[in-house]
């Protein structure tokens, strides 16, 4: 995430296309959302990738 000119620029934790949002439209992840990202990050086969 980056902030520039009053806008926020966001990207999914695993990468991908960046998008722009107004700060008032952004909120922290809920505990459930954060847990989902953590479990996703630990499972490269779910992304179609391979462990290095």
PDB file of N, CA and C in Angstrom:
ATOM      1  N   UNK A   1       0.845  -1.164   0.000  1.00  0.00           N
ATOM      2  CA  UNK A   1       0.000   0.000   0.000  1.00  0.00           C
ATOM      3  C   UNK A   1       0.893   1.230   0.000  1.00  0.00           C
ATOM      4  N   UNK A   2       0.454   2.228  -0.713  1.00  0.00           N
ATOM      5  CA  UNK A   2       1.162   3.500  -0.763  1.00  0.00           C
ATOM      6  C   UNK A   2       0.113   4.601  -0.815  1.00  0.00           C
ATOM      7  N   UNK A   3       0.447   5.755  -0.306  1.00  0.00           N
ATOM      8  CA  UNK A   3      -0.449   6.910  -0.360  1.00  0.00           C
ATOM      9  C   UNK A   3       0.247   8.012  -1.136  1.00  0.00           C
ATOM     10  N   UNK A   4      -0.484   8.577  -2.092  1.00  0.00           N
ATOM     11  CA  UNK A   4       0.095   9.640  -2.907  1.00  0.00           C
ATOM     12  C   UNK A   4      -1.030  10.568  -3.329  1.00  0.00           C
ATOM     13  N   UNK A   5      -0.842  11.851  -3.091  1.00  0.00           N
ATOM     14  CA  UNK A   5      -1.837  12.828  -3.517  1.00  0.00           C
ATOM     15  C   UNK A   5      -3.210  12.611  -2.916  1.00  0.00           C
ATOM     16  N   UNK A   6      -3.260  12.088  -1.680  1.00  0.00           N
ATOM     17  CA  UNK A   6      -4.545  11.871  -1.034  1.00  0.00           C
ATOM     18  C   UNK A   6      -5.255  10.607  -1.470  1.00  0.00           C
ATOM     19  N   UNK A   7      -4.641   9.809  -2.292  1.00  0.00           N
ATOM     20  CA  UNK A   7      -5.228   8.545  -2.746  1.00  0.00           C
ATOM     21  C   UNK A   7      -4.384   7.394  -2.214  1.00  0.00           C
ATOM     22  N   UNK A   8      -4.994   6.230  -2.036  1.00  0.00           N
ATOM     23  CA  UNK A   8      -4.273   5.045  -1.583  1.00  0.00           C
ATOM     24  C   UNK A   8      -4.143   4.084  -2.757  1.00  0.00           C
ATOM     25  N   UNK A   9      -2.992   3.464  -2.845  1.00  0.00           N
ATOM     26  CA  UNK A   9      -2.724   2.496  -3.903  1.00  0.00           C
ATOM     27  C   UNK A   9      -2.507   1.145  -3.236  1.00  0.00           C
ATOM     28  N   UNK A  10      -3.357   0.195  -3.551  1.00  0.00           N
ATOM     29  CA  UNK A  10      -3.406  -1.094  -2.864  1.00  0.00           C
ATOM     30  C   UNK A  10      -3.075  -2.230  -3.814  1.00  0.00           C
ATOM     31  N   UNK A  11      -2.553  -3.307  -3.214  1.00  0.00           N
ATOM     32  CA  UNK A  11      -2.263  -4.515  -3.980  1.00  0.00           C
ATOM     33  C   UNK A  11      -2.504  -5.704  -3.053  1.00  0.00           C
ATOM     34  N   UNK A  12      -3.008  -6.785  -3.583  1.00  0.00           N
ATOM     35  CA  UNK A  12      -3.233  -7.994  -2.788  1.00  0.00           C
ATOM     36  C   UNK A  12      -1.912  -8.479  -2.204  1.00  0.00           C
ATOM     37  N   UNK A  13      -1.920  -9.122  -1.039  1.00  0.00           N
ATOM     38  CA  UNK A  13      -0.676  -9.589  -0.420  1.00  0.00           C
ATOM     39  C   UNK A  13       0.147 -10.514  -1.316  1.00  0.00           C
ATOM     40  N   UNK A  14      -0.505 -11.310  -2.144  1.00  0.00           N
ATOM     41  CA  UNK A  14       0.233 -12.220  -3.011  1.00  0.00           C
ATOM     42  C   UNK A  14       0.634 -11.588  -4.348  1.00  0.00           C
ATOM     43  N   UNK A  15       0.362 -10.310  -4.499  1.00  0.00           N
ATOM     44  CA  UNK A  15       0.758  -9.599  -5.714  1.00  0.00           C
ATOM     45  C   UNK A  15      -0.421  -9.389  -6.645  1.00  0.00           C
ATOM     46  N   UNK A  16      -0.131  -8.968  -7.835  1.00  0.00           N
ATOM     47  CA  UNK A  16      -1.179  -8.724  -8.810  1.00  0.00           C
ATOM     48  C   UNK A  16      -1.316  -7.251  -9.126  1.00  0.00           C
ATOM     49  N   UNK A  17      -2.390  -6.930  -9.784  1.00  0.00           N
ATOM     50  CA  UNK A  17      -2.639  -5.563 -10.230  1.00  0.00           C
ATOM     51  C   UNK A  17      -2.936  -4.644  -9.052  1.00  0.00           C
ATOM     52  N   UNK A  18      -2.371  -3.462  -9.098  1.00  0.00           N
ATOM     53  CA  UNK A  18      -2.603  -2.440  -8.079  1.00  0.00           C
ATOM     54  C   UNK A  18      -3.900  -1.710  -8.405  1.00  0.00           C
ATOM     55  N   UNK A  19      -4.595  -1.240  -7.372  1.00  0.00           N
ATOM     56  CA  UNK A  19      -5.753  -0.392  -7.620  1.00  0.00           C
ATOM     57  C   UNK A  19      -5.738   0.791  -6.679  1.00  0.00           C
ATOM     58  N   UNK A  20      -6.523   1.792  -7.025  1.00  0.00           N
ATOM     59  CA  UNK A  20      -6.547   3.068  -6.326  1.00  0.00           C
ATOM     60  C   UNK A  20      -7.862   3.193  -5.562  1.00  0.00           C
ATOM     61  N   UNK A  21      -7.785   3.782  -4.365  1.00  0.00           N
ATOM     62  CA  UNK A  21      -8.985   3.986  -3.553  1.00  0.00           C
ATOM     63  C   UNK A  21      -8.849   5.266  -2.748  1.00  0.00           C
ATOM     64  N   UNK A  22      -9.977   5.840  -2.400  1.00  0.00           N
ATOM     65  CA  UNK A  22      -9.992   6.995  -1.502  1.00  0.00           C
ATOM     66  C   UNK A  22      -9.786   6.479  -0.075  1.00  0.00           C
ATOM     67  N   UNK A  23      -9.024   7.190   0.751  1.00  0.00           N
ATOM     68  CA  UNK A  23      -8.763   6.724   2.119  1.00  0.00           C
ATOM     69  C   UNK A  23     -10.036   6.394   2.910  1.00  0.00           C
ATOM     70  N   UNK A  24     -11.105   7.130   2.713  1.00  0.00           N
ATOM     71  CA  UNK A  24     -12.341   6.867   3.456  1.00  0.00           C
ATOM     72  C   UNK A  24     -13.008   5.562   3.032  1.00  0.00           C
ATOM     73  N   UNK A  25     -12.591   4.978   1.918  1.00  0.00           N
ATOM     74  CA  UNK A  25     -13.157   3.723   1.439  1.00  0.00           C
ATOM     75  C   UNK A  25     -12.325   2.504   1.836  1.00  0.00           C
ATOM     76  N   UNK A  26     -11.239   2.717   2.582  1.00  0.00           N
ATOM     77  CA  UNK A  26     -10.333   1.631   2.953  1.00  0.00           C
ATOM     78  C   UNK A  26     -10.447   1.371   4.447  1.00  0.00           C
ATOM     79  N   UNK A  27     -10.403   0.101   4.824  1.00  0.00           N
ATOM     80  CA  UNK A  27     -10.446  -0.275   6.231  1.00  0.00           C
ATOM     81  C   UNK A  27      -9.430  -1.387   6.471  1.00  0.00           C
ATOM     82  N   UNK A  28      -9.005  -1.561   7.728  1.00  0.00           N
ATOM     83  CA  UNK A  28      -8.106  -2.681   8.025  1.00  0.00           C
ATOM     84  C   UNK A  28      -8.819  -4.014   7.804  1.00  0.00           C
ATOM     85  N   UNK A  29      -8.064  -5.041   7.534  1.00  0.00           N
ATOM     86  CA  UNK A  29      -8.638  -6.383   7.376  1.00  0.00           C
ATOM     87  C   UNK A  29      -9.211  -6.854   8.708  1.00  0.00           C
ATOM     88  N   UNK A  30     -10.322  -7.584   8.635  1.00  0.00           N
ATOM     89  CA  UNK A  30     -10.871  -8.196   9.847  1.00  0.00           C
ATOM     90  C   UNK A  30      -9.958  -9.361  10.239  1.00  0.00           C
ATOM     91  N   UNK A  31     -10.049  -9.850  11.485  1.00  0.00           N
ATOM     92  CA  UNK A  31      -9.240 -11.014  11.863  1.00  0.00           C
ATOM     93  C   UNK A  31      -9.462 -12.213  10.939  1.00  0.00           C
ATOM     94  N   UNK A  32     -10.685 -12.431  10.511  1.00  0.00           N
ATOM     95  CA  UNK A  32     -10.976 -13.541   9.598  1.00  0.00           C
ATOM     96  C   UNK A  32     -10.310 -13.360   8.241  1.00  0.00           C
ATOM     97  N   UNK A  33     -10.343 -12.137   7.723  1.00  0.00           N
ATOM     98  CA  UNK A  33      -9.688 -11.857   6.440  1.00  0.00           C
ATOM     99  C   UNK A  33      -8.179 -12.026   6.548  1.00  0.00           C
ATOM    100  N   UNK A  34      -7.606 -11.545   7.655  1.00  0.00           N
ATOM    101  CA  UNK A  34      -6.163 -11.668   7.857  1.00  0.00           C
ATOM    102  C   UNK A  34      -5.759 -13.136   7.978  1.00  0.00           C
ATOM    103  N   UNK A  35      -6.555 -13.941   8.669  1.00  0.00           N
ATOM    104  CA  UNK A  35      -6.265 -15.368   8.810  1.00  0.00           C
ATOM    105  C   UNK A  35      -6.340 -16.061   7.455  1.00  0.00           C
ATOM    106  N   UNK A  36      -7.290 -15.675   6.624  1.00  0.00           N
ATOM    107  CA  UNK A  36      -7.429 -16.268   5.299  1.00  0.00           C
ATOM    108  C   UNK A  36      -6.187 -15.990   4.455  1.00  0.00           C
ATOM    109  N   UNK A  37      -5.688 -14.773   4.518  1.00  0.00           N
ATOM    110  CA  UNK A  37      -4.487 -14.406   3.769  1.00  0.00           C
ATOM    111  C   UNK A  37      -3.293 -15.189   4.290  1.00  0.00           C
ATOM    112  N   UNK A  38      -3.185 -15.339   5.608  1.00  0.00           N
ATOM    113  CA  UNK A  38      -2.072 -16.083   6.190  1.00  0.00           C
ATOM    114  C   UNK A  38      -2.086 -17.529   5.737  1.00  0.00           C
ATOM    115  N   UNK A  39      -3.252 -18.148   5.708  1.00  0.00           N
ATOM    116  CA  UNK A  39      -3.317 -19.551   5.283  1.00  0.00           C
ATOM    117  C   UNK A  39      -3.056 -19.665   3.787  1.00  0.00           C
ATOM    118  N   UNK A  40      -3.473 -18.681   3.020  1.00  0.00           N
ATOM    119  CA  UNK A  40      -3.231 -18.695   1.578  1.00  0.00           C
ATOM    120  C   UNK A  40      -1.741 -18.575   1.284  1.00  0.00           C
ATOM    121  N   UNK A  41      -1.054 -17.710   2.025  1.00  0.00           N
ATOM    122  CA  UNK A  41       0.370 -17.489   1.807  1.00  0.00           C
ATOM    123  C   UNK A  41       1.183 -18.745   2.097  1.00  0.00           C
ATOM    124  N   UNK A  42       0.706 -19.600   2.978  1.00  0.00           N
ATOM    125  CA  UNK A  42       1.432 -20.812   3.319  1.00  0.00           C
ATOM    126  C   UNK A  42       1.139 -21.985   2.417  1.00  0.00           C
ATOM    127  N   UNK A  43       0.324 -21.797   1.404  1.00  0.00           N
ATOM    128  CA  UNK A  43      -0.076 -22.899   0.528  1.00  0.00           C
ATOM    129  C   UNK A  43       0.161 -22.535  -0.938  1.00  0.00           C
ATOM    130  N   UNK A  44       1.413 -22.606  -1.414  1.00  0.00           N
ATOM    131  CA  UNK A  44       1.685 -22.203  -2.795  1.00  0.00           C
ATOM    132  C   UNK A  44       0.949 -23.037  -3.828  1.00  0.00           C
ATOM    133  N   UNK A  45       0.628 -24.278  -3.513  1.00  0.00           N
ATOM    134  CA  UNK A  45      -0.089 -25.113  -4.476  1.00  0.00           C
ATOM    135  C   UNK A  45      -1.486 -24.559  -4.755  1.00  0.00           C
ATOM    136  N   UNK A  46      -2.050 -23.809  -3.838  1.00  0.00           N
ATOM    137  CA  UNK A  46      -3.383 -23.227  -4.049  1.00  0.00           C
ATOM    138  C   UNK A  46      -3.322 -22.084  -5.045  1.00  0.00           C
ATOM    139  N   UNK A  47      -2.144 -21.486  -5.226  1.00  0.00           N
ATOM    140  CA  UNK A  47      -1.986 -20.398  -6.171  1.00  0.00           C
ATOM    141  C   UNK A  47      -1.601 -20.918  -7.555  1.00  0.00           C
ATOM    142  N   UNK A  48      -1.340 -22.211  -7.638  1.00  0.00           N
ATOM    143  CA  UNK A  48      -0.878 -22.770  -8.903  1.00  0.00           C
ATOM    144  C   UNK A  48       0.617 -22.640  -9.053  1.00  0.00           C
ATOM    145  N   UNK A  49       1.305 -22.221  -7.972  1.00  0.00           N
ATOM    146  CA  UNK A  49       2.753 -22.070  -8.022  1.00  0.00           C
ATOM    147  C   UNK A  49       3.455 -23.266  -7.428  1.00  0.00           C
ATOM    148  N   UNK A  50       4.747 -23.160  -7.315  1.00  0.00           N
ATOM    149  CA  UNK A  50       5.558 -24.233  -6.764  1.00  0.00           C
ATOM    150  C   UNK A  50       6.461 -23.661  -5.694  1.00  0.00           C
ATOM    151  N   UNK A  51       6.727 -24.475  -4.674  1.00  0.00           N
ATOM    152  CA  UNK A  51       7.653 -24.024  -3.638  1.00  0.00           C
ATOM    153  C   UNK A  51       9.041 -23.937  -4.207  1.00  0.00           C
ATOM    154  N   UNK A  52       9.828 -22.994  -3.706  1.00  0.00           N
ATOM    155  CA  UNK A  52      11.198 -22.816  -4.192  1.00  0.00           C
ATOM    156  C   UNK A  52      12.167 -23.327  -3.182  1.00  0.00           C
TER     157      UNK A  52
END
